[in-house]
Amino acid sequence: MCLSEMKENQKGLIQKINGDSRFVSRVVSMGLPPSSPFLVLQNDGRSPVLLYSHDTMIAINRKECMQIEVALA
């Protein structure tokens, strides 16, 4: 499933980051490498998805969320 499909308060693990090397590098540098755990704080279907991972809150826009494959934890 992609990150944009997750609901609020669900925990997940990053499985795969699709896209060019610049995008993958940016997501990893934000603290979301593959197998990284996270918690979805907000996903209302309109605004960016808010995640909590490694003591940091991260906002990712919806288009980019569709390029990040995740699994439920």
Protein backbone atom coordinates (compact mmCIF):
# COMPACT_ATOMS: atom_id res chain seq x y z
CA MET A 1 0.00 0.00 0.00
CA CYS A 2 1.17 3.57 -0.47
CA LEU A 3 1.59 6.04 2.37
CA SER A 4 -1.36 8.18 1.24
CA GLU A 5 -3.73 5.21 1.90
CA MET A 6 -2.92 4.98 5.61
CA LYS A 7 -5.31 6.30 8.22
CA GLU A 8 -4.61 8.47 11.24
CA ASN A 9 -3.06 6.70 14.26
CA GLN A 10 -1.87 3.75 12.17
CA LYS A 11 1.70 2.55 12.61
CA GLY A 12 3.72 1.46 9.61
CA LEU A 13 7.11 0.62 8.19
CA ILE A 14 8.63 2.14 5.06
CA GLN A 15 9.01 -0.68 2.51
CA LYS A 16 10.19 1.01 -0.68
CA ILE A 17 10.70 4.55 -1.99
CA ASN A 18 9.94 4.90 -5.71
CA GLY A 19 11.22 7.78 -7.79
CA ASP A 20 14.43 9.31 -9.02
CA SER A 21 17.60 9.31 -6.93
CA ARG A 22 17.04 12.91 -5.81
CA PHE A 23 13.61 12.09 -4.36
CA VAL A 24 14.84 8.90 -2.66
CA SER A 25 17.79 10.79 -1.16
CA ARG A 26 15.52 13.56 0.14
CA VAL A 27 13.09 11.15 1.80
CA VAL A 28 15.93 9.18 3.41
CA SER A 29 17.57 12.40 4.65
CA MET A 30 14.25 13.39 6.31
CA GLY A 31 14.63 10.28 8.45
CA LEU A 32 12.50 7.80 6.51
CA PRO A 33 14.84 5.13 5.11
CA PRO A 34 13.40 1.71 4.20
CA SER A 35 12.31 -0.35 7.25
CA SER A 36 11.88 2.84 9.28
CA PRO A 37 8.88 2.81 11.67
CA PHE A 38 6.43 5.72 11.77
CA LEU A 39 3.02 6.81 13.08
CA VAL A 40 0.48 8.68 10.93
CA LEU A 41 -0.61 11.76 12.88
CA GLN A 42 -2.83 13.31 10.21
CA ASN A 43 -4.22 12.17 6.88
CA ASP A 44 -7.41 14.01 6.03
CA GLY A 45 -7.25 13.41 2.27
CA ARG A 46 -6.56 17.04 1.39
CA SER A 47 -3.52 18.45 3.15
CA PRO A 48 -0.03 16.89 3.48
CA VAL A 49 0.29 13.70 5.50
CA LEU A 50 1.89 14.25 8.92
CA LEU A 51 4.11 11.47 10.25
CA TYR A 52 5.96 10.98 13.51
CA SER A 53 9.22 9.06 13.24
CA HIS A 54 12.44 9.09 15.28
CA ASP A 55 11.18 11.88 17.59
CA THR A 56 10.41 14.12 14.58
CA MET A 57 7.19 15.28 12.92
CA ILE A 58 7.42 15.12 9.11
CA ALA A 59 4.99 16.54 6.52
CA ILE A 60 4.92 14.90 3.09
CA ASN A 61 2.71 16.15 0.26
CA ARG A 62 0.12 13.80 -1.18
CA LYS A 63 1.82 13.31 -4.56
CA GLU A 64 5.04 12.23 -2.87
CA CYS A 65 3.16 9.93 -0.48
CA MET A 66 1.97 7.95 -3.47
CA GLN A 67 5.61 7.09 -4.27
CA ILE A 68 6.32 5.63 -0.81
CA GLU A 69 5.29 2.01 -0.28
CA VAL A 70 4.54 1.00 3.31
CA ALA A 71 3.37 -1.95 5.39
CA LEU A 72 1.29 -1.89 8.55
CA ALA A 73 3.31 -2.49 11.70
